[in-house]
C-alpha atoms as a PDB file:
ATOM      1  CA  MET A   1      38.213  90.239-209.750  1.00  0.00           C
ATOM      2  CA  SER A   2      40.857  89.155-212.228  1.00  0.00           C
ATOM      3  CA  ALA A   3      43.605  89.507-209.612  1.00  0.00           C
ATOM      4  CA  ILE A   4      41.677  87.226-207.248  1.00  0.00           C
ATOM      5  CA  ALA A   5      41.348  84.569-209.961  1.00  0.00           C
ATOM      6  CA  TRP A   6      45.083  84.741-210.673  1.00  0.00           C
ATOM      7  CA  ILE A   7      45.992  84.510-206.967  1.00  0.00           C
ATOM      8  CA  ALA A   8      43.736  81.448-206.655  1.00  0.00           C
ATOM      9  CA  THR A   9      45.338  80.023-209.806  1.00  0.00           C
ATOM     10  CA  ALA A  10      48.834  80.570-208.430  1.00  0.00           C
ATOM     11  CA  TRP A  11      47.973  78.636-205.255  1.00  0.00           C
ATOM     12  CA  ILE A  12      46.434  75.710-207.130  1.00  0.00           C
ATOM     13  CA  VAL A  13      49.311  75.475-209.602  1.00  0.00           C
ATOM     14  CA  TYR A  14      51.835  75.672-206.762  1.00  0.00           C
ATOM     15  CA  VAL A  15      50.188  72.844-204.813  1.00  0.00           C
ATOM     16  CA  PHE A  16      49.663  70.630-207.860  1.00  0.00           C
ATOM     17  CA  ILE A  17      53.181  71.102-209.234  1.00  0.00           C
ATOM     18  CA  TRP A  18      54.823  70.703-205.803  1.00  0.00           C
ATOM     19  CA  TYR A  19      53.254  67.286-205.241  1.00  0.00           C
ATOM     20  CA  LEU A  20      54.110  66.003-208.734  1.00  0.00           C
ATOM     21  CA  GLN A  21      57.594  65.097-207.539  1.00  0.00           C
ATOM     22  CA  TYR A  22      56.119  62.697-205.004  1.00  0.00           C
ATOM     23  CA  LYS A  23      53.601  61.187-207.407  1.00  0.00           C
ATOM     24  CA  PHE A  24      55.822  60.891-210.487  1.00  0.00           C
ATOM     25  CA  LEU A  25      58.979  59.737-208.693  1.00  0.00           C
ATOM     26  CA  GLY A  26      57.196  57.190-206.501  1.00  0.00           C
ATOM     27  CA  HIS A  27      57.974  58.643-203.080  1.00  0.00           C
ATOM     28  CA  PRO A  28      57.220  55.969-200.440  1.00  0.00           C
ATOM     29  CA  GLY A  29      54.600  58.170-198.742  1.00  0.00           C
ATOM     30  CA  SER A  30      52.781  58.723-202.026  1.00  0.00           C
ATOM     31  CA  VAL A  31      52.963  55.027-202.904  1.00  0.00           C
ATOM     32  CA  GLU A  32      51.539  54.130-199.485  1.00  0.00           C
ATOM     33  CA  LEU A  33      48.735  56.693-199.825  1.00  0.00           C
ATOM     34  CA  PHE A  34      47.648  55.490-203.275  1.00  0.00           C
ATOM     35  CA  THR A  35      48.032  51.836-202.222  1.00  0.00           C
ATOM     36  CA  THR A  36      45.622  52.509-199.352  1.00  0.00           C
ATOM     37  CA  ILE A  37      43.118  54.043-201.777  1.00  0.00           C
ATOM     38  CA  THR A  38      43.406  51.425-204.531  1.00  0.00           C
ATOM     39  CA  ASP A  39      43.224  48.555-202.032  1.00  0.00           C
ATOM     40  CA  TRP A  40      40.135  50.126-200.448  1.00  0.00           C
ATOM     41  CA  LEU A  41      38.573  50.409-203.931  1.00  0.00           C
ATOM     42  CA  GLY A  42      39.415  46.768-204.656  1.00  0.00           C
ATOM     43  CA  LEU A  43      41.930  47.772-207.333  1.00  0.00           C
ATOM     44  CA  HIS A  44      44.850  45.845-205.842  1.00  0.00           C
ATOM     45  CA  GLY A  45      48.067  46.335-207.782  1.00  0.00           C
ATOM     46  CA  HIS A  46      46.912  49.498-209.553  1.00  0.00           C
ATOM     47  CA  GLU A  47      48.499  52.027-207.196  1.00  0.00           C
ATOM     48  CA  LYS A  48      51.019  53.248-209.786  1.00  0.00           C
ATOM     49  CA  ALA A  49      48.377  53.827-212.462  1.00  0.00           C
ATOM     50  CA  MET A  50      46.223  55.834-210.059  1.00  0.00           C
ATOM     51  CA  ARG A  51      49.191  57.792-208.682  1.00  0.00           C
ATOM     52  CA  ILE A  52      50.600  58.675-212.118  1.00  0.00           C
ATOM     53  CA  GLY A  53      47.112  59.243-213.536  1.00  0.00           C
ATOM     54  CA  THR A  54      46.206  61.639-210.740  1.00  0.00           C
ATOM     55  CA  GLY A  55      49.502  63.489-211.123  1.00  0.00           C
ATOM     56  CA  SER A  56      48.981  63.740-214.882  1.00  0.00           C
ATOM     57  CA  CYS A  57      45.495  65.184-214.382  1.00  0.00           C
ATOM     58  CA  GLU A  58      46.885  67.722-211.898  1.00  0.00           C
ATOM     59  CA  LEU A  59      49.610  68.708-214.369  1.00  0.00           C
ATOM     60  CA  LEU A  60      47.069  69.119-217.181  1.00  0.00           C
ATOM     61  CA  CYS A  61      44.799  71.138-214.890  1.00  0.00           C
ATOM     62  CA  SER A  62      47.735  73.395-213.958  1.00  0.00           C
ATOM     63  CA  LEU A  63      48.524  74.048-217.613  1.00  0.00           C
ATOM     64  CA  ILE A  64      44.878  74.802-218.421  1.00  0.00           C
ATOM     65  CA  LEU A  65      44.646  77.203-215.474  1.00  0.00           C
ATOM     66  CA  LEU A  66      47.549  79.212-216.900  1.00  0.00           C
ATOM     67  CA  LEU A  67      45.714  79.787-220.197  1.00  0.00           C
ATOM     68  CA  PRO A  68      43.598  82.920-219.663  1.00  0.00           C
ATOM     69  CA  GLY A  69      40.811  81.795-222.007  1.00  0.00           C
ATOM     70  CA  LEU A  70      40.482  78.443-220.240  1.00  0.00           C
ATOM     71  CA  GLN A  71      41.024  79.463-216.613  1.00  0.00           C
ATOM     72  CA  GLY A  72      37.411  78.661-215.705  1.00  0.00           C
ATOM     73  CA  LEU A  73      37.810  75.159-217.103  1.00  0.00           C
ATOM     74  CA  GLY A  74      40.987  74.731-215.058  1.00  0.00           C
ATOM     75  CA  GLY A  75      39.121  75.860-211.939  1.00  0.00           C
ATOM     76  CA  LEU A  76      36.431  73.289-212.665  1.00  0.00           C
ATOM     77  CA  GLY A  77      39.149  70.653-213.068  1.00  0.00           C
ATOM     78  CA  ALA A  78      40.693  71.596-209.724  1.00  0.00           C
ATOM     79  CA  VAL A  79      37.303  71.354-207.993  1.00  0.00           C
ATOM     80  CA  THR A  80      36.711  67.950-209.580  1.00  0.00           C
ATOM     81  CA  LEU A  81      40.133  66.576-208.626  1.00  0.00           C
ATOM     82  CA  MET A  82      39.962  67.897-205.083  1.00  0.00           C
ATOM     83  CA  THR A  83      36.422  66.623-204.590  1.00  0.00           C
ATOM     84  CA  GLY A  84      37.882  63.173-205.191  1.00  0.00           C
ATOM     85  CA  ALA A  85      40.770  63.818-202.800  1.00  0.00           C
ATOM     86  CA  ILE A  86      38.460  65.121-200.071  1.00  0.00           C
ATOM     87  CA  VAL A  87      36.078  62.171-200.462  1.00  0.00           C
ATOM     88  CA  PHE A  88      38.969  59.702-200.174  1.00  0.00           C
ATOM     89  CA  HIS A  89      40.280  61.457-197.069  1.00  0.00           C
ATOM     90  CA  LEU A  90      36.830  61.382-195.446  1.00  0.00           C
ATOM     91  CA  ALA A  91      35.466  58.013-196.585  1.00  0.00           C
ATOM     92  CA  SER A  92      38.444  55.681-196.994  1.00  0.00           C
ATOM     93  CA  PRO A  93      40.882  54.259-194.440  1.00  0.00           C
ATOM     94  CA  LEU A  94      43.260  57.051-195.548  1.00  0.00           C
ATOM     95  CA  GLY A  95      41.709  59.475-193.078  1.00  0.00           C
ATOM     96  CA  ILE A  96      42.217  63.183-192.677  1.00  0.00           C
ATOM     97  CA  ASP A  97      45.708  62.901-191.204  1.00  0.00           C
ATOM     98  CA  PRO A  98      47.524  59.984-192.894  1.00  0.00           C
ATOM     99  CA  TYR A  99      51.012  61.344-192.144  1.00  0.00           C
ATOM    100  CA  ASN A 100      50.334  62.500-188.557  1.00  0.00           C
ATOM    101  CA  ASP A 101      51.237  66.068-189.526  1.00  0.00           C
ATOM    102  CA  GLY A 102      48.000  67.784-188.589  1.00  0.00           C
ATOM    103  CA  GLY A 103      46.241  66.883-191.842  1.00  0.00           C
ATOM    104  CA  VAL A 104      48.351  69.046-194.184  1.00  0.00           C
ATOM    105  CA  LEU A 105      47.259  67.154-197.325  1.00  0.00           C
ATOM    106  CA  PHE A 106      43.587  67.345-196.371  1.00  0.00           C
ATOM    107  CA  LYS A 107      43.803  71.061-195.574  1.00  0.00           C
ATOM    108  CA  GLN A 108      45.584  71.752-198.861  1.00  0.00           C
ATOM    109  CA  ALA A 109      42.972  69.742-200.760  1.00  0.00           C
ATOM    110  CA  CYS A 110      40.253  71.861-199.129  1.00  0.00           C
ATOM    111  CA  SER A 111      42.087  75.115-199.906  1.00  0.00           C
ATOM    112  CA  VAL A 112      42.613  74.098-203.541  1.00  0.00           C
ATOM    113  CA  TRP A 113      38.912  73.160-203.771  1.00  0.00           C
ATOM    114  CA  ILE A 114      37.934  76.603-202.446  1.00  0.00           C
ATOM    115  CA  CYS A 115      40.320  78.372-204.849  1.00  0.00           C
ATOM    116  CA  GLY A 116      38.965  76.314-207.742  1.00  0.00           C
ATOM    117  CA  ALA A 117      35.400  77.226-206.761  1.00  0.00           C
ATOM    118  CA  ILE A 118      36.349  80.913-206.622  1.00  0.00           C
ATOM    119  CA  ILE A 119      37.783  80.675-210.138  1.00  0.00           C
ATOM    120  CA  VAL A 120      34.642  78.897-211.386  1.00  0.00           C
ATOM    121  CA  VAL A 121      32.442  81.675-209.971  1.00  0.00           C
ATOM    122  CA  LEU A 122      34.655  84.486-211.269  1.00  0.00           C
ATOM    123  CA  ARG A 123      35.041  82.871-214.712  1.00  0.00           C
ATOM    124  CA  ARG A 124      31.467  81.545-215.040  1.00  0.00           C
ATOM    125  CA  ASP A 125      30.836  83.616-218.184  1.00  0.00           C
ATOM    126  CA  GLN A 126      33.874  81.967-219.733  1.00  0.00           C
ATOM    127  CA  LEU A 127      32.520  78.527-218.806  1.00  0.00           C
ATOM    128  CA  PHE A 128      29.077  79.317-220.227  1.00  0.00           C
ATOM    129  CA  GLY A 129      30.753  80.545-223.420  1.00  0.00           C
ATOM    130  CA  LEU A 130      32.703  77.305-223.740  1.00  0.00           C
ATOM    131  CA  ALA A 131      29.570  75.257-223.077  1.00  0.00           C
ATOM    132  CA  LEU A 132      27.704  77.177-225.801  1.00  0.00           C
ATOM    133  CA  ARG A 133      30.602  76.864-228.227  1.00  0.00           C
ATOM    134  CA  PHE A 134      30.780  73.097-227.830  1.00  0.00           C
ATOM    135  CA  GLY A 135      27.023  72.557-227.881  1.00  0.00           C
ATOM    136  CA  LEU A 136      26.688  71.619-224.221  1.00  0.00           C
ATOM    137  CA  LEU A 137      24.167  74.442-223.779  1.00  0.00           C
ATOM    138  CA  LYS A 138      21.706  75.893-226.246  1.00  0.00           C
ATOM    139  CA  PRO A 139      21.598  79.667-226.790  1.00  0.00           C
ATOM    140  CA  ARG A 140      18.675  81.459-225.175  1.00  0.00           C
ATOM    141  CA  SER A 141      15.870  82.412-227.540  1.00  0.00           C
ATOM    142  CA  SER A 142      14.724  85.985-227.374  1.00  0.00           C
END
């Protein structure tokens, strides 16, 4: 099971880190994508903040995923981030195939979501332990 979690982690980290160059360096395609989203949300002029903010969250998630004791939390972060991406692809004017390339971004978002969910399931004991440690859950009484 551990090998499966690490394979899923490798895929997520690869995808997140690969796309950082586009988000952080302001690639025209990335700027257009985030402009479409922020305009649709009524946040005109905030494309850069959303693009850099999203990239920063993906970088943080990647780092957390690489820490064995926090891998479950990283998986949860990946699911959260990709839920947002999938919703924007499905509900906003962005659409599933914004670059006319067969929907590569959408498919990768779905695959990262699935890998994150696999990590969450495989590392659920770790997540419950963290929730107990930080008082988000109460220990069971015997």
